[in-house]
Amino acid sequence: MLILREQARKLREEQETKREREREKVQSNYLHHILSSRRRLKALTLLQERIRAGKELMETKRIAEENERKRYEKESFESHISPLN
């Protein structure tokens, strides 16, 4: 009878140890997933910021080129007009 109780106790301990390992594994996988998600989110945020900055730079260049074109056209037009006096 004592042997059966000891075997049952050992079996319960082994099962509890196994359940604890499974819980730790699940927690570890969950934390890994959370960290991976945060890294992906951070990378995505940085990528979106780079895209936004690139768009702003392109818009700034477009405006500068447009202003340069207008200035050139104005100078060209003014150089072809002779004074009426």
N, C-alpha and C. Protein backbone atom coordinates (compact mmCIF):
# COMPACT_ATOMS: atom_id res chain seq x y z
N MET A 1 0.82 -1.19 0.00
CA MET A 1 0.00 0.00 0.00
C MET A 1 0.86 1.25 0.00
N LEU A 2 1.93 1.22 0.78
CA LEU A 2 2.84 2.36 0.85
C LEU A 2 3.52 2.58 -0.50
N ILE A 3 3.83 1.53 -1.18
CA ILE A 3 4.46 1.63 -2.50
C ILE A 3 3.51 2.28 -3.50
N LEU A 4 2.24 1.93 -3.46
CA LEU A 4 1.27 2.53 -4.37
C LEU A 4 1.11 4.03 -4.11
N ARG A 5 1.08 4.42 -2.83
CA ARG A 5 0.99 5.84 -2.51
C ARG A 5 2.21 6.60 -3.01
N GLU A 6 3.37 6.02 -2.82
CA GLU A 6 4.61 6.65 -3.28
C GLU A 6 4.61 6.78 -4.80
N GLN A 7 4.16 5.75 -5.49
CA GLN A 7 4.09 5.81 -6.95
C GLN A 7 3.09 6.88 -7.41
N ALA A 8 1.97 6.96 -6.72
CA ALA A 8 0.95 7.96 -7.07
C ALA A 8 1.49 9.37 -6.82
N ARG A 9 2.21 9.57 -5.71
CA ARG A 9 2.80 10.87 -5.40
C ARG A 9 3.82 11.26 -6.47
N LYS A 10 4.67 10.33 -6.85
CA LYS A 10 5.67 10.61 -7.89
C LYS A 10 5.00 10.94 -9.22
N LEU A 11 3.94 10.19 -9.52
CA LEU A 11 3.21 10.44 -10.77
C LEU A 11 2.59 11.84 -10.76
N ARG A 12 1.99 12.25 -9.63
CA ARG A 12 1.42 13.60 -9.51
C ARG A 12 2.51 14.66 -9.65
N GLU A 13 3.66 14.43 -9.03
CA GLU A 13 4.76 15.38 -9.13
C GLU A 13 5.24 15.50 -10.58
N GLU A 14 5.36 14.38 -11.26
CA GLU A 14 5.79 14.41 -12.66
C GLU A 14 4.78 15.15 -13.54
N GLN A 15 3.49 14.87 -13.27
CA GLN A 15 2.45 15.56 -14.05
C GLN A 15 2.46 17.06 -13.77
N GLU A 16 2.64 17.44 -12.50
CA GLU A 16 2.70 18.86 -12.15
C GLU A 16 3.92 19.53 -12.79
N THR A 17 5.04 18.84 -12.77
CA THR A 17 6.25 19.37 -13.41
C THR A 17 6.02 19.55 -14.90
N LYS A 18 5.37 18.58 -15.52
CA LYS A 18 5.08 18.66 -16.95
C LYS A 18 4.15 19.84 -17.24
N ARG A 19 3.09 20.00 -16.42
CA ARG A 19 2.17 21.13 -16.61
C ARG A 19 2.89 22.47 -16.44
N GLU A 20 3.79 22.53 -15.45
CA GLU A 20 4.55 23.77 -15.21
C GLU A 20 5.44 24.09 -16.42
N ARG A 21 6.09 23.08 -16.96
CA ARG A 21 6.92 23.30 -18.16
C ARG A 21 6.07 23.80 -19.33
N GLU A 22 4.89 23.22 -19.48
CA GLU A 22 3.99 23.66 -20.56
C GLU A 22 3.56 25.11 -20.36
N ARG A 23 3.24 25.48 -19.11
CA ARG A 23 2.86 26.87 -18.81
C ARG A 23 4.01 27.81 -19.14
N GLU A 24 5.22 27.43 -18.73
CA GLU A 24 6.40 28.26 -19.01
C GLU A 24 6.63 28.40 -20.51
N LYS A 25 6.43 27.30 -21.22
CA LYS A 25 6.61 27.32 -22.68
C LYS A 25 5.59 28.25 -23.33
N VAL A 26 4.34 28.17 -22.90
CA VAL A 26 3.27 29.03 -23.43
C VAL A 26 3.59 30.49 -23.12
N GLN A 27 3.99 30.77 -21.89
CA GLN A 27 4.33 32.14 -21.51
C GLN A 27 5.51 32.65 -22.32
N SER A 28 6.51 31.81 -22.51
CA SER A 28 7.68 32.20 -23.28
C SER A 28 7.29 32.49 -24.73
N ASN A 29 6.47 31.63 -25.31
CA ASN A 29 6.01 31.85 -26.69
C ASN A 29 5.18 33.12 -26.79
N TYR A 30 4.35 33.37 -25.79
CA TYR A 30 3.51 34.58 -25.78
C TYR A 30 4.39 35.83 -25.71
N LEU A 31 5.37 35.81 -24.80
CA LEU A 31 6.27 36.95 -24.67
C LEU A 31 7.07 37.16 -25.96
N HIS A 32 7.52 36.08 -26.55
CA HIS A 32 8.26 36.17 -27.82
C HIS A 32 7.37 36.79 -28.89
N HIS A 33 6.12 36.36 -28.94
CA HIS A 33 5.18 36.90 -29.92
C HIS A 33 4.95 38.39 -29.68
N ILE A 34 4.77 38.77 -28.42
CA ILE A 34 4.56 40.18 -28.08
C ILE A 34 5.77 41.01 -28.50
N LEU A 35 6.96 40.54 -28.16
CA LEU A 35 8.17 41.28 -28.52
C LEU A 35 8.33 41.35 -30.03
N SER A 36 8.05 40.25 -30.71
CA SER A 36 8.15 40.25 -32.16
C SER A 36 7.15 41.23 -32.76
N SER A 37 5.95 41.26 -32.20
CA SER A 37 4.92 42.19 -32.69
C SER A 37 5.37 43.63 -32.48
N ARG A 38 5.96 43.91 -31.32
CA ARG A 38 6.43 45.27 -31.04
C ARG A 38 7.56 45.65 -31.99
N ARG A 39 8.45 44.70 -32.26
CA ARG A 39 9.54 44.99 -33.21
C ARG A 39 8.98 45.27 -34.60
N ARG A 40 8.01 44.46 -35.01
CA ARG A 40 7.41 44.67 -36.33
C ARG A 40 6.69 46.01 -36.37
N LEU A 41 5.99 46.34 -35.30
CA LEU A 41 5.28 47.62 -35.24
C LEU A 41 6.27 48.78 -35.29
N LYS A 42 7.37 48.66 -34.55
CA LYS A 42 8.39 49.71 -34.56
C LYS A 42 8.99 49.85 -35.97
N ALA A 43 9.30 48.72 -36.60
CA ALA A 43 9.86 48.76 -37.95
C ALA A 43 8.86 49.37 -38.92
N LEU A 44 7.60 49.02 -38.78
CA LEU A 44 6.56 49.57 -39.66
C LEU A 44 6.42 51.07 -39.44
N THR A 45 6.45 51.48 -38.17
CA THR A 45 6.36 52.91 -37.85
C THR A 45 7.53 53.67 -38.45
N LEU A 46 8.73 53.11 -38.33
CA LEU A 46 9.91 53.76 -38.91
C LEU A 46 9.79 53.84 -40.43
N LEU A 47 9.30 52.77 -41.04
CA LEU A 47 9.13 52.76 -42.50
C LEU A 47 8.11 53.80 -42.92
N GLN A 48 7.01 53.89 -42.20
CA GLN A 48 5.99 54.89 -42.52
C GLN A 48 6.55 56.31 -42.37
N GLU A 49 7.38 56.52 -41.35
CA GLU A 49 7.99 57.83 -41.14
C GLU A 49 8.94 58.16 -42.30
N ARG A 50 9.70 57.18 -42.75
CA ARG A 50 10.60 57.41 -43.89
C ARG A 50 9.81 57.74 -45.15
N ILE A 51 8.71 57.05 -45.36
CA ILE A 51 7.86 57.31 -46.53
C ILE A 51 7.29 58.73 -46.45
N ARG A 52 6.81 59.12 -45.27
CA ARG A 52 6.26 60.46 -45.09
C ARG A 52 7.33 61.52 -45.35
N ALA A 53 8.53 61.31 -44.80
CA ALA A 53 9.62 62.27 -44.99
C ALA A 53 10.01 62.33 -46.47
N GLY A 54 10.02 61.19 -47.14
CA GLY A 54 10.33 61.16 -48.57
C GLY A 54 9.30 61.93 -49.38
N LYS A 55 8.03 61.77 -49.03
CA LYS A 55 6.98 62.50 -49.73
C LYS A 55 7.13 64.00 -49.52
N GLU A 56 7.44 64.40 -48.28
CA GLU A 56 7.65 65.82 -48.00
C GLU A 56 8.82 66.37 -48.80
N LEU A 57 9.90 65.61 -48.87
CA LEU A 57 11.07 66.03 -49.64
C LEU A 57 10.73 66.17 -51.12
N MET A 58 9.99 65.21 -51.67
CA MET A 58 9.59 65.28 -53.07
C MET A 58 8.72 66.51 -53.32
N GLU A 59 7.80 66.80 -52.41
CA GLU A 59 6.93 67.97 -52.55
C GLU A 59 7.74 69.25 -52.49
N THR A 60 8.70 69.30 -51.58
CA THR A 60 9.57 70.47 -51.47
C THR A 60 10.36 70.68 -52.75
N LYS A 61 10.91 69.61 -53.31
CA LYS A 61 11.66 69.70 -54.57
C LYS A 61 10.75 70.15 -55.71
N ARG A 62 9.54 69.62 -55.74
CA ARG A 62 8.59 69.99 -56.80
C ARG A 62 8.29 71.48 -56.74
N ILE A 63 8.04 71.99 -55.54
CA ILE A 63 7.75 73.41 -55.38
C ILE A 63 8.95 74.25 -55.78
N ALA A 64 10.15 73.84 -55.37
CA ALA A 64 11.37 74.59 -55.73
C ALA A 64 11.55 74.61 -57.25
N GLU A 65 11.34 73.47 -57.91
CA GLU A 65 11.47 73.42 -59.37
C GLU A 65 10.42 74.30 -60.05
N GLU A 66 9.21 74.27 -59.52
CA GLU A 66 8.13 75.09 -60.08
C GLU A 66 8.47 76.58 -59.93
N ASN A 67 8.97 76.96 -58.75
CA ASN A 67 9.36 78.35 -58.54
C ASN A 67 10.50 78.76 -59.46
N GLU A 68 11.46 77.85 -59.64
CA GLU A 68 12.58 78.14 -60.55
C GLU A 68 12.08 78.31 -61.98
N ARG A 69 11.16 77.46 -62.40
CA ARG A 69 10.60 77.55 -63.76
C ARG A 69 9.87 78.89 -63.94
N LYS A 70 9.07 79.27 -62.96
CA LYS A 70 8.34 80.54 -63.04
C LYS A 70 9.30 81.72 -63.10
N ARG A 71 10.36 81.66 -62.27
CA ARG A 71 11.34 82.74 -62.27
C ARG A 71 12.04 82.83 -63.63
N TYR A 72 12.39 81.68 -64.20
CA TYR A 72 13.04 81.65 -65.51
C TYR A 72 12.11 82.22 -66.59
N GLU A 73 10.83 81.81 -66.55
CA GLU A 73 9.87 82.33 -67.53
C GLU A 73 9.70 83.84 -67.38
N LYS A 74 9.65 84.32 -66.16
CA LYS A 74 9.49 85.75 -65.92
C LYS A 74 10.71 86.52 -66.43
N GLU A 75 11.91 86.02 -66.12
CA GLU A 75 13.13 86.67 -66.58
C GLU A 75 13.22 86.65 -68.11
N SER A 76 12.82 85.52 -68.68
CA SER A 76 12.85 85.38 -70.13
C SER A 76 11.86 86.36 -70.76
N PHE A 77 10.68 86.45 -70.20
CA PHE A 77 9.65 87.35 -70.71
C PHE A 77 10.10 88.80 -70.58
N GLU A 78 10.67 89.17 -69.42
CA GLU A 78 11.10 90.54 -69.19
C GLU A 78 12.27 90.92 -70.09
N SER A 79 13.10 89.99 -70.43
CA SER A 79 14.25 90.31 -71.29
C SER A 79 13.80 90.56 -72.75
N HIS A 80 12.64 90.06 -73.14
CA HIS A 80 12.15 90.26 -74.50
C HIS A 80 11.27 91.48 -74.65
N ILE A 81 10.88 92.09 -73.55
CA ILE A 81 10.05 93.29 -73.61
C ILE A 81 10.97 94.51 -73.64
N SER A 82 10.78 95.34 -74.63
CA SER A 82 11.59 96.56 -74.69
C SER A 82 10.81 97.71 -74.08
N PRO A 83 11.49 98.61 -73.44
CA PRO A 83 10.78 99.76 -72.84
C PRO A 83 10.07 100.60 -73.91
N LEU A 84 8.93 101.12 -73.59
CA LEU A 84 8.14 101.92 -74.53
C LEU A 84 8.67 103.33 -74.67
N ASN A 85 9.47 103.78 -73.78
CA ASN A 85 10.01 105.15 -73.84
C ASN A 85 11.16 105.26 -74.74
